[in-house]
N, C-alpha and C. Protein backbone atom coordinates (compact mmCIF):
# COMPACT_ATOMS: atom_id res chain seq x y z
N UNK A 1 -31.06 -31.35 53.88
CA UNK A 1 -31.19 -32.20 55.04
C UNK A 1 -32.33 -33.19 54.87
N UNK A 2 -32.54 -33.99 55.92
CA UNK A 2 -33.54 -35.04 55.89
C UNK A 2 -34.95 -34.52 56.09
N UNK A 3 -35.09 -33.31 56.50
CA UNK A 3 -36.41 -32.75 56.75
C UNK A 3 -37.04 -32.13 55.51
N UNK A 4 -36.34 -32.10 54.41
CA UNK A 4 -36.85 -31.44 53.20
C UNK A 4 -36.73 -32.35 51.99
N UNK A 5 -37.66 -32.19 51.09
CA UNK A 5 -37.63 -32.89 49.81
C UNK A 5 -37.40 -31.83 48.73
N UNK A 6 -36.31 -31.90 47.99
CA UNK A 6 -35.95 -30.89 46.99
C UNK A 6 -36.35 -31.33 45.58
N UNK A 7 -36.77 -30.35 44.76
CA UNK A 7 -37.03 -30.62 43.34
C UNK A 7 -36.76 -29.35 42.54
N UNK A 8 -36.42 -29.50 41.26
CA UNK A 8 -36.16 -28.36 40.36
C UNK A 8 -37.42 -28.12 39.56
N UNK A 9 -37.86 -26.87 39.56
CA UNK A 9 -39.04 -26.49 38.78
C UNK A 9 -38.74 -25.20 38.03
N UNK A 10 -39.55 -24.87 37.07
CA UNK A 10 -39.39 -23.61 36.34
C UNK A 10 -38.73 -23.83 34.99
N UNK A 11 -38.65 -22.74 34.27
CA UNK A 11 -38.09 -22.79 32.94
C UNK A 11 -37.00 -21.74 32.86
N UNK A 12 -35.83 -21.95 32.36
CA UNK A 12 -35.40 -23.25 31.85
C UNK A 12 -34.99 -24.17 32.98
N UNK A 13 -35.06 -25.40 32.70
CA UNK A 13 -34.65 -26.40 33.70
C UNK A 13 -33.28 -26.97 33.38
N UNK A 14 -32.58 -26.33 32.42
CA UNK A 14 -31.25 -26.79 32.04
C UNK A 14 -30.27 -25.63 32.12
N UNK A 15 -29.01 -25.96 32.20
CA UNK A 15 -27.93 -24.98 32.21
C UNK A 15 -27.18 -25.12 30.89
N UNK A 16 -26.95 -24.02 30.21
CA UNK A 16 -26.29 -24.08 28.90
C UNK A 16 -24.89 -23.52 28.98
N UNK A 17 -23.96 -24.19 28.32
CA UNK A 17 -22.61 -23.66 28.12
C UNK A 17 -22.53 -23.29 26.65
N UNK A 18 -22.32 -22.03 26.38
CA UNK A 18 -22.28 -21.55 24.99
C UNK A 18 -20.83 -21.36 24.55
N UNK A 19 -20.65 -21.25 23.25
CA UNK A 19 -19.32 -21.01 22.68
C UNK A 19 -18.80 -19.64 23.12
N UNK A 20 -17.54 -19.58 23.44
CA UNK A 20 -16.91 -18.33 23.84
C UNK A 20 -16.53 -17.55 22.59
N UNK A 21 -16.85 -16.25 22.55
CA UNK A 21 -16.45 -15.44 21.39
C UNK A 21 -14.92 -15.34 21.30
N UNK A 22 -14.41 -15.48 20.09
CA UNK A 22 -12.99 -15.37 19.82
C UNK A 22 -12.84 -14.49 18.58
N UNK A 23 -12.13 -13.39 18.71
CA UNK A 23 -12.01 -12.47 17.58
C UNK A 23 -10.73 -12.73 16.80
N UNK A 24 -10.86 -12.59 15.49
CA UNK A 24 -9.76 -12.76 14.54
C UNK A 24 -9.49 -11.39 13.94
N UNK A 25 -8.26 -10.91 14.08
CA UNK A 25 -7.88 -9.61 13.51
C UNK A 25 -6.83 -9.85 12.42
N UNK A 26 -7.19 -9.58 11.14
CA UNK A 26 -6.22 -9.74 10.05
C UNK A 26 -5.00 -8.85 10.26
N UNK A 27 -3.85 -9.32 9.85
CA UNK A 27 -2.61 -8.56 9.94
C UNK A 27 -2.68 -7.33 9.04
N UNK A 28 -2.29 -6.18 9.56
CA UNK A 28 -2.33 -4.93 8.78
C UNK A 28 -1.33 -4.98 7.63
N UNK A 29 -1.67 -4.30 6.53
CA UNK A 29 -0.75 -4.12 5.42
C UNK A 29 -0.65 -5.28 4.45
N UNK A 30 -1.53 -6.26 4.54
CA UNK A 30 -1.46 -7.38 3.62
C UNK A 30 -2.02 -6.98 2.26
N UNK A 31 -1.30 -7.31 1.22
CA UNK A 31 -1.74 -7.00 -0.14
C UNK A 31 -0.97 -7.87 -1.11
N UNK A 32 -1.35 -7.77 -2.36
CA UNK A 32 -0.59 -8.42 -3.42
C UNK A 32 -0.69 -7.55 -4.66
N UNK A 33 0.22 -7.76 -5.58
CA UNK A 33 0.21 -7.06 -6.86
C UNK A 33 -0.67 -7.87 -7.82
N UNK A 34 -1.46 -7.17 -8.62
CA UNK A 34 -2.32 -7.81 -9.61
C UNK A 34 -1.55 -8.89 -10.37
N UNK A 35 -2.17 -10.06 -10.52
CA UNK A 35 -1.58 -11.16 -11.28
C UNK A 35 -0.66 -12.06 -10.49
N UNK A 36 -0.35 -11.70 -9.24
CA UNK A 36 0.53 -12.55 -8.44
C UNK A 36 -0.29 -13.54 -7.60
N UNK A 37 0.40 -14.47 -6.99
CA UNK A 37 -0.23 -15.51 -6.18
C UNK A 37 -0.70 -14.92 -4.85
N UNK A 38 -1.85 -15.38 -4.37
CA UNK A 38 -2.34 -14.93 -3.07
C UNK A 38 -1.39 -15.37 -1.97
N UNK A 39 -1.14 -14.50 -1.00
CA UNK A 39 -0.31 -14.90 0.14
C UNK A 39 -1.13 -15.72 1.14
N UNK A 40 -0.46 -16.26 2.13
CA UNK A 40 -1.17 -16.83 3.28
C UNK A 40 -1.55 -15.63 4.14
N UNK A 41 -2.83 -15.49 4.45
CA UNK A 41 -3.31 -14.32 5.17
C UNK A 41 -3.01 -14.45 6.66
N UNK A 42 -2.24 -13.50 7.17
CA UNK A 42 -1.88 -13.50 8.58
C UNK A 42 -2.99 -12.91 9.44
N UNK A 43 -3.00 -13.29 10.70
CA UNK A 43 -4.02 -12.79 11.62
C UNK A 43 -3.55 -12.99 13.06
N UNK A 44 -4.23 -12.34 13.99
CA UNK A 44 -4.01 -12.59 15.41
C UNK A 44 -5.35 -12.92 16.04
N UNK A 45 -5.29 -13.60 17.19
CA UNK A 45 -6.50 -14.01 17.90
C UNK A 45 -6.59 -13.26 19.22
N UNK A 46 -7.81 -13.07 19.71
CA UNK A 46 -8.01 -12.36 20.97
C UNK A 46 -7.55 -13.18 22.17
N UNK A 47 -7.35 -14.47 21.99
CA UNK A 47 -6.82 -15.35 23.03
C UNK A 47 -5.90 -16.36 22.39
N UNK A 48 -5.04 -16.93 23.19
CA UNK A 48 -4.15 -17.97 22.68
C UNK A 48 -4.89 -19.30 22.74
N UNK A 49 -5.32 -19.76 21.58
CA UNK A 49 -6.01 -21.05 21.46
C UNK A 49 -5.51 -21.75 20.21
N UNK A 50 -5.73 -23.02 20.13
CA UNK A 50 -5.33 -23.79 18.96
C UNK A 50 -6.42 -23.68 17.90
N UNK A 51 -6.02 -23.32 16.69
CA UNK A 51 -6.96 -23.21 15.58
C UNK A 51 -6.47 -24.07 14.41
N UNK A 52 -7.41 -24.40 13.54
CA UNK A 52 -7.08 -25.13 12.31
C UNK A 52 -7.63 -24.33 11.14
N UNK A 53 -7.16 -24.64 9.94
CA UNK A 53 -7.65 -23.98 8.74
C UNK A 53 -6.93 -22.66 8.48
N UNK A 54 -7.52 -21.87 7.60
CA UNK A 54 -6.89 -20.63 7.18
C UNK A 54 -7.92 -19.53 6.96
N UNK A 55 -7.49 -18.31 7.19
CA UNK A 55 -8.28 -17.12 6.88
C UNK A 55 -8.38 -17.02 5.36
N UNK A 56 -9.43 -16.43 4.85
CA UNK A 56 -9.62 -16.30 3.41
C UNK A 56 -10.08 -14.88 3.10
N UNK A 57 -10.51 -14.66 1.86
CA UNK A 57 -11.07 -13.36 1.47
C UNK A 57 -12.11 -13.59 0.39
N UNK A 58 -12.91 -12.56 0.15
CA UNK A 58 -13.91 -12.61 -0.91
C UNK A 58 -13.19 -12.81 -2.23
N UNK A 59 -13.74 -13.60 -3.13
CA UNK A 59 -13.13 -13.91 -4.42
C UNK A 59 -13.09 -12.67 -5.31
N UNK A 60 -11.99 -12.50 -6.02
CA UNK A 60 -11.81 -11.43 -6.98
C UNK A 60 -10.33 -11.24 -7.26
N UNK A 61 -9.98 -10.87 -8.48
CA UNK A 61 -8.57 -10.72 -8.83
C UNK A 61 -8.22 -9.36 -9.43
N UNK A 62 -9.20 -8.48 -9.64
CA UNK A 62 -8.89 -7.16 -10.17
C UNK A 62 -8.43 -6.23 -9.05
N UNK A 63 -7.78 -5.14 -9.41
CA UNK A 63 -7.33 -4.16 -8.45
C UNK A 63 -8.54 -3.63 -7.68
N UNK A 64 -8.52 -3.82 -6.38
CA UNK A 64 -9.60 -3.39 -5.50
C UNK A 64 -9.26 -3.83 -4.08
N UNK A 65 -10.21 -3.66 -3.17
CA UNK A 65 -10.08 -4.22 -1.83
C UNK A 65 -11.16 -5.28 -1.65
N UNK A 66 -10.82 -6.31 -0.91
CA UNK A 66 -11.69 -7.46 -0.72
C UNK A 66 -11.80 -7.78 0.76
N UNK A 67 -13.01 -8.01 1.23
CA UNK A 67 -13.25 -8.32 2.64
C UNK A 67 -12.67 -9.68 3.00
N UNK A 68 -12.09 -9.75 4.20
CA UNK A 68 -11.63 -11.03 4.71
C UNK A 68 -12.84 -11.88 5.12
N UNK A 69 -12.70 -13.19 5.02
CA UNK A 69 -13.71 -14.13 5.51
C UNK A 69 -13.00 -15.15 6.40
N UNK A 70 -13.75 -15.86 7.20
CA UNK A 70 -13.15 -16.86 8.08
C UNK A 70 -12.62 -18.07 7.30
N UNK A 71 -13.06 -18.24 6.06
CA UNK A 71 -12.61 -19.40 5.29
C UNK A 71 -12.93 -20.67 6.05
N UNK A 72 -11.94 -21.54 6.22
CA UNK A 72 -12.16 -22.76 7.00
C UNK A 72 -11.48 -22.69 8.37
N UNK A 73 -11.19 -21.47 8.82
CA UNK A 73 -10.57 -21.26 10.13
C UNK A 73 -11.53 -21.71 11.23
N UNK A 74 -11.04 -22.51 12.16
CA UNK A 74 -11.89 -23.05 13.22
C UNK A 74 -11.10 -23.23 14.50
N UNK A 75 -11.77 -23.02 15.63
CA UNK A 75 -11.19 -23.28 16.95
C UNK A 75 -12.01 -24.34 17.67
N UNK A 76 -12.77 -25.11 16.91
CA UNK A 76 -13.60 -26.15 17.51
C UNK A 76 -14.93 -25.60 17.98
N UNK A 77 -15.70 -26.46 18.65
CA UNK A 77 -17.07 -26.07 19.06
C UNK A 77 -17.11 -25.18 20.30
N UNK A 78 -16.00 -25.05 21.00
CA UNK A 78 -16.00 -24.23 22.21
C UNK A 78 -15.82 -22.74 21.95
N UNK A 79 -15.53 -22.36 20.70
CA UNK A 79 -15.30 -20.95 20.37
C UNK A 79 -16.13 -20.54 19.16
N UNK A 80 -16.61 -19.32 19.20
CA UNK A 80 -17.35 -18.73 18.09
C UNK A 80 -16.46 -17.64 17.49
N UNK A 81 -15.95 -17.86 16.27
CA UNK A 81 -15.01 -16.93 15.64
C UNK A 81 -15.73 -15.80 14.91
N UNK A 82 -15.13 -14.62 14.95
CA UNK A 82 -15.61 -13.49 14.14
C UNK A 82 -14.42 -12.60 13.80
N UNK A 83 -14.50 -11.96 12.64
CA UNK A 83 -13.44 -11.05 12.19
C UNK A 83 -13.79 -9.65 12.68
N UNK A 84 -12.84 -9.01 13.31
CA UNK A 84 -13.04 -7.65 13.80
C UNK A 84 -11.79 -6.83 13.55
N UNK A 85 -11.90 -5.55 13.81
CA UNK A 85 -10.73 -4.70 13.77
C UNK A 85 -10.39 -4.20 12.39
N UNK A 86 -9.28 -3.52 12.37
CA UNK A 86 -8.80 -2.92 11.15
C UNK A 86 -7.43 -3.51 10.86
N UNK A 87 -7.10 -3.94 9.66
CA UNK A 87 -7.92 -3.77 8.47
C UNK A 87 -8.96 -4.89 8.35
N UNK A 88 -10.04 -4.58 7.70
CA UNK A 88 -11.05 -5.59 7.45
C UNK A 88 -11.03 -6.01 5.99
N UNK A 89 -10.10 -5.44 5.22
CA UNK A 89 -10.01 -5.77 3.80
C UNK A 89 -8.58 -6.05 3.37
N UNK A 90 -8.45 -6.79 2.29
CA UNK A 90 -7.19 -7.14 1.65
C UNK A 90 -7.12 -6.37 0.34
N UNK A 91 -5.97 -5.80 -0.01
CA UNK A 91 -5.84 -4.97 -1.21
C UNK A 91 -5.07 -5.69 -2.31
N UNK A 92 -5.58 -5.56 -3.53
CA UNK A 92 -4.83 -5.96 -4.72
C UNK A 92 -4.44 -4.66 -5.41
N UNK A 93 -3.14 -4.46 -5.59
CA UNK A 93 -2.63 -3.22 -6.16
C UNK A 93 -2.25 -3.41 -7.64
N UNK A 94 -2.16 -2.29 -8.35
CA UNK A 94 -1.85 -2.32 -9.78
C UNK A 94 -0.44 -2.84 -10.03
N UNK A 95 -0.30 -3.60 -11.10
CA UNK A 95 0.98 -4.17 -11.52
C UNK A 95 1.68 -3.18 -12.45
N UNK A 96 2.98 -2.98 -12.27
CA UNK A 96 3.71 -2.12 -13.20
C UNK A 96 3.77 -2.75 -14.60
N UNK A 97 3.55 -1.95 -15.62
CA UNK A 97 3.61 -2.40 -17.00
C UNK A 97 4.34 -1.34 -17.81
N UNK A 98 5.34 -1.75 -18.55
CA UNK A 98 6.08 -0.83 -19.41
C UNK A 98 5.74 -1.12 -20.86
N UNK A 99 5.39 -0.07 -21.59
CA UNK A 99 5.11 -0.20 -23.02
C UNK A 99 6.13 0.68 -23.74
N UNK A 100 7.01 0.01 -24.49
CA UNK A 100 8.12 0.70 -25.16
C UNK A 100 7.89 0.72 -26.66
N UNK A 101 8.05 1.90 -27.26
CA UNK A 101 7.93 2.02 -28.72
C UNK A 101 9.12 1.34 -29.39
N UNK A 102 8.84 0.56 -30.43
CA UNK A 102 9.91 -0.07 -31.21
C UNK A 102 10.58 1.02 -32.05
N UNK A 103 11.89 0.97 -32.18
CA UNK A 103 12.57 1.93 -33.05
C UNK A 103 12.19 1.68 -34.51
N UNK A 104 12.32 2.72 -35.32
CA UNK A 104 11.95 2.60 -36.73
C UNK A 104 12.96 3.39 -37.56
N UNK A 105 13.53 2.74 -38.56
CA UNK A 105 14.45 3.40 -39.48
C UNK A 105 13.84 3.33 -40.87
N UNK A 106 13.70 4.49 -41.51
CA UNK A 106 13.15 4.53 -42.87
C UNK A 106 14.07 5.37 -43.75
N UNK A 107 13.98 5.14 -45.05
CA UNK A 107 14.74 5.92 -46.02
C UNK A 107 13.94 7.17 -46.37
N UNK A 108 14.64 8.29 -46.50
CA UNK A 108 13.98 9.55 -46.84
C UNK A 108 13.12 9.35 -48.09
N UNK A 109 11.83 9.79 -47.98
CA UNK A 109 10.94 9.70 -49.13
C UNK A 109 10.08 10.96 -49.30
N UNK A 110 10.30 11.96 -48.44
CA UNK A 110 9.57 13.21 -48.55
C UNK A 110 8.16 13.17 -47.99
N UNK A 111 7.74 12.03 -47.45
CA UNK A 111 6.39 11.89 -46.90
C UNK A 111 6.42 12.08 -45.38
N UNK A 112 5.45 12.81 -44.86
CA UNK A 112 5.37 13.03 -43.41
C UNK A 112 5.08 11.70 -42.70
N UNK A 113 5.85 11.43 -41.66
CA UNK A 113 5.71 10.18 -40.89
C UNK A 113 4.51 10.29 -39.95
N UNK A 114 3.72 9.22 -39.87
CA UNK A 114 2.63 9.13 -38.90
C UNK A 114 2.64 7.74 -38.28
N UNK A 115 2.16 7.66 -37.07
CA UNK A 115 2.07 6.36 -36.39
C UNK A 115 3.37 5.96 -35.77
N UNK A 116 3.60 4.66 -35.74
CA UNK A 116 4.80 4.12 -35.13
C UNK A 116 5.11 2.76 -35.73
N UNK A 117 5.99 2.04 -35.08
CA UNK A 117 6.44 0.74 -35.57
C UNK A 117 6.05 -0.37 -34.59
N UNK A 118 5.01 -0.14 -33.80
CA UNK A 118 4.60 -1.13 -32.81
C UNK A 118 5.25 -0.88 -31.46
N UNK A 119 4.89 -1.71 -30.51
CA UNK A 119 5.40 -1.57 -29.15
C UNK A 119 5.82 -2.92 -28.59
N UNK A 120 6.64 -2.86 -27.54
CA UNK A 120 7.06 -4.05 -26.82
C UNK A 120 6.59 -3.87 -25.37
N UNK A 121 5.58 -4.66 -24.96
CA UNK A 121 5.12 -4.57 -23.57
C UNK A 121 5.95 -5.47 -22.66
N UNK A 122 6.20 -5.01 -21.45
CA UNK A 122 6.94 -5.80 -20.46
C UNK A 122 6.21 -5.72 -19.13
N UNK A 123 5.80 -6.88 -18.61
CA UNK A 123 5.20 -6.90 -17.29
C UNK A 123 3.77 -7.38 -17.21
N UNK A 124 3.22 -7.91 -18.29
CA UNK A 124 1.85 -8.40 -18.25
C UNK A 124 1.73 -9.59 -17.30
N UNK A 125 0.57 -9.72 -16.65
CA UNK A 125 0.25 -10.90 -15.86
C UNK A 125 0.11 -12.08 -16.83
N UNK A 126 0.29 -13.27 -16.33
CA UNK A 126 0.21 -14.48 -17.15
C UNK A 126 -1.09 -14.53 -17.94
N UNK A 127 -0.98 -14.81 -19.23
CA UNK A 127 -2.15 -14.95 -20.09
C UNK A 127 -2.72 -13.65 -20.62
N UNK A 128 -2.11 -12.52 -20.30
CA UNK A 128 -2.62 -11.24 -20.78
C UNK A 128 -1.69 -10.63 -21.82
N UNK A 129 -2.26 -9.73 -22.62
CA UNK A 129 -1.52 -9.09 -23.70
C UNK A 129 -2.08 -7.69 -23.91
N UNK A 130 -1.59 -7.02 -24.94
CA UNK A 130 -2.07 -5.68 -25.29
C UNK A 130 -3.59 -5.66 -25.41
N UNK A 131 -4.18 -6.74 -25.88
CA UNK A 131 -5.64 -6.79 -26.04
C UNK A 131 -6.37 -6.76 -24.69
N UNK A 132 -5.66 -6.96 -23.59
CA UNK A 132 -6.26 -6.89 -22.25
C UNK A 132 -6.46 -5.45 -21.80
N UNK A 133 -5.89 -4.50 -22.53
CA UNK A 133 -5.99 -3.08 -22.18
C UNK A 133 -7.13 -2.43 -22.94
N UNK A 134 -7.60 -1.30 -22.43
CA UNK A 134 -8.63 -0.55 -23.13
C UNK A 134 -8.00 0.67 -23.80
N UNK A 135 -8.74 1.27 -24.71
CA UNK A 135 -8.23 2.43 -25.44
C UNK A 135 -7.65 2.02 -26.78
N UNK A 136 -7.04 2.99 -27.44
CA UNK A 136 -6.44 2.76 -28.74
C UNK A 136 -4.99 3.21 -28.69
N UNK A 137 -4.09 2.33 -29.12
CA UNK A 137 -2.67 2.68 -29.16
C UNK A 137 -2.48 3.84 -30.14
N UNK A 138 -1.80 4.89 -29.66
CA UNK A 138 -1.49 6.01 -30.54
C UNK A 138 -0.04 6.44 -30.28
N UNK A 139 0.43 7.33 -31.12
CA UNK A 139 1.81 7.78 -31.01
C UNK A 139 1.87 9.30 -31.07
N UNK A 140 2.76 9.84 -30.26
CA UNK A 140 3.05 11.27 -30.29
C UNK A 140 4.57 11.41 -30.35
N UNK A 141 5.05 12.59 -30.13
CA UNK A 141 6.48 12.84 -30.17
C UNK A 141 6.86 13.61 -31.42
N UNK A 142 8.13 13.91 -31.53
CA UNK A 142 8.62 14.71 -32.66
C UNK A 142 8.57 13.96 -33.98
N UNK A 143 8.33 12.65 -33.94
CA UNK A 143 8.27 11.84 -35.16
C UNK A 143 7.02 12.14 -35.99
N UNK A 144 5.93 12.53 -35.34
CA UNK A 144 4.67 12.73 -36.04
C UNK A 144 4.76 13.94 -36.97
N UNK A 145 4.68 13.67 -38.24
CA UNK A 145 4.81 14.72 -39.25
C UNK A 145 6.23 14.93 -39.75
N UNK A 146 7.19 14.24 -39.14
CA UNK A 146 8.59 14.41 -39.56
C UNK A 146 8.78 13.83 -40.96
N UNK A 147 9.60 14.54 -41.80
CA UNK A 147 9.88 14.02 -43.13
C UNK A 147 11.31 14.24 -43.58
N UNK A 148 12.08 15.03 -42.82
CA UNK A 148 13.47 15.30 -43.20
C UNK A 148 14.42 14.34 -42.48
N UNK A 149 15.60 14.19 -43.06
CA UNK A 149 16.61 13.32 -42.47
C UNK A 149 16.99 13.85 -41.10
N UNK A 150 16.82 12.98 -40.08
CA UNK A 150 17.16 13.34 -38.69
C UNK A 150 16.70 12.18 -37.79
N UNK A 151 16.86 12.35 -36.49
CA UNK A 151 16.37 11.37 -35.51
C UNK A 151 15.28 12.04 -34.70
N UNK A 152 14.16 11.35 -34.51
CA UNK A 152 12.98 11.88 -33.84
C UNK A 152 12.51 10.91 -32.76
N UNK A 153 11.64 11.39 -31.87
CA UNK A 153 11.08 10.51 -30.82
C UNK A 153 9.71 9.98 -31.23
N UNK A 154 9.50 8.71 -30.92
CA UNK A 154 8.19 8.07 -31.09
C UNK A 154 7.72 7.72 -29.66
N UNK A 155 6.63 8.32 -29.23
CA UNK A 155 6.14 8.08 -27.88
C UNK A 155 4.76 7.41 -27.95
N UNK A 156 4.64 6.17 -27.43
CA UNK A 156 3.35 5.49 -27.45
C UNK A 156 2.43 6.03 -26.35
N UNK A 157 1.14 5.77 -26.49
CA UNK A 157 0.17 6.19 -25.47
C UNK A 157 -1.21 5.69 -25.82
N UNK A 158 -2.20 6.13 -25.05
CA UNK A 158 -3.59 5.86 -25.35
C UNK A 158 -4.20 4.61 -24.75
N UNK A 159 -3.41 3.77 -24.08
CA UNK A 159 -3.93 2.54 -23.51
C UNK A 159 -4.06 2.69 -21.99
N UNK A 160 -5.02 1.97 -21.41
CA UNK A 160 -5.18 2.04 -19.96
C UNK A 160 -5.78 0.75 -19.42
N UNK A 161 -5.69 0.61 -18.11
CA UNK A 161 -6.30 -0.51 -17.39
C UNK A 161 -6.21 -0.19 -15.91
N UNK A 162 -7.27 -0.45 -15.15
CA UNK A 162 -7.19 -0.25 -13.71
C UNK A 162 -6.27 -1.25 -13.03
N UNK A 163 -5.90 -2.33 -13.72
CA UNK A 163 -5.04 -3.35 -13.12
C UNK A 163 -3.55 -3.11 -13.34
N UNK A 164 -3.21 -2.09 -14.13
CA UNK A 164 -1.80 -1.82 -14.43
C UNK A 164 -1.47 -0.34 -14.23
N UNK A 165 -0.26 -0.09 -13.74
CA UNK A 165 0.34 1.24 -13.76
C UNK A 165 1.23 1.27 -14.99
N UNK A 166 0.76 1.93 -16.04
CA UNK A 166 1.46 1.89 -17.32
C UNK A 166 2.50 3.00 -17.40
N UNK A 167 3.71 2.61 -17.77
CA UNK A 167 4.80 3.54 -18.02
C UNK A 167 5.15 3.43 -19.50
N UNK A 168 4.99 4.53 -20.22
CA UNK A 168 5.31 4.54 -21.66
C UNK A 168 6.76 4.99 -21.84
N UNK A 169 7.48 4.27 -22.70
CA UNK A 169 8.88 4.59 -23.01
C UNK A 169 8.98 4.85 -24.50
N UNK A 170 9.57 5.97 -24.84
CA UNK A 170 9.70 6.35 -26.24
C UNK A 170 10.78 5.56 -26.96
N UNK A 171 10.63 5.55 -28.28
CA UNK A 171 11.63 4.95 -29.15
C UNK A 171 12.12 6.01 -30.13
N UNK A 172 12.92 5.60 -31.07
CA UNK A 172 13.50 6.56 -32.01
C UNK A 172 13.07 6.26 -33.46
N UNK A 173 12.78 7.34 -34.18
CA UNK A 173 12.57 7.27 -35.62
C UNK A 173 13.82 7.87 -36.25
N UNK A 174 14.42 7.12 -37.16
CA UNK A 174 15.58 7.64 -37.88
C UNK A 174 15.23 7.67 -39.36
N UNK A 175 15.28 8.88 -39.91
CA UNK A 175 15.02 9.03 -41.36
C UNK A 175 16.37 9.29 -42.00
């Protein structure tokens, strides 16, 4: 009214509008097989708002779990984004790899057979080979020590990698 003179005093003398919290929950069950292309990471938001950019994850390509990051995901200056909930990680799973023993035919010579005739790998990720595995290729089976005319099994083994689920397939030795 006209009988009073009003003034603002004290601290703070301003009113602040802060960003509203908005939670990002990654879609459950997201993963990829070692050596494959990263998927687009799915997620849900705690509110229906318009966002730009994409969810990301910590860098790494070996079999493991990796934490999600906001990447360049944004809802503008009115929202403060954070990742919450389960799952909080993305999984890279082992790639199937088959290592098959090459068949071997030899003429009887009375000498005990040892080793094998090499292997044929199937399923390596791009740019990888037998040298990407650890261990030493070895052979077992009925072929080891065989020297008489017959057919025997050559079974490869001894190689490993946390990035591959290795399945060994035997071959045949024919003397």
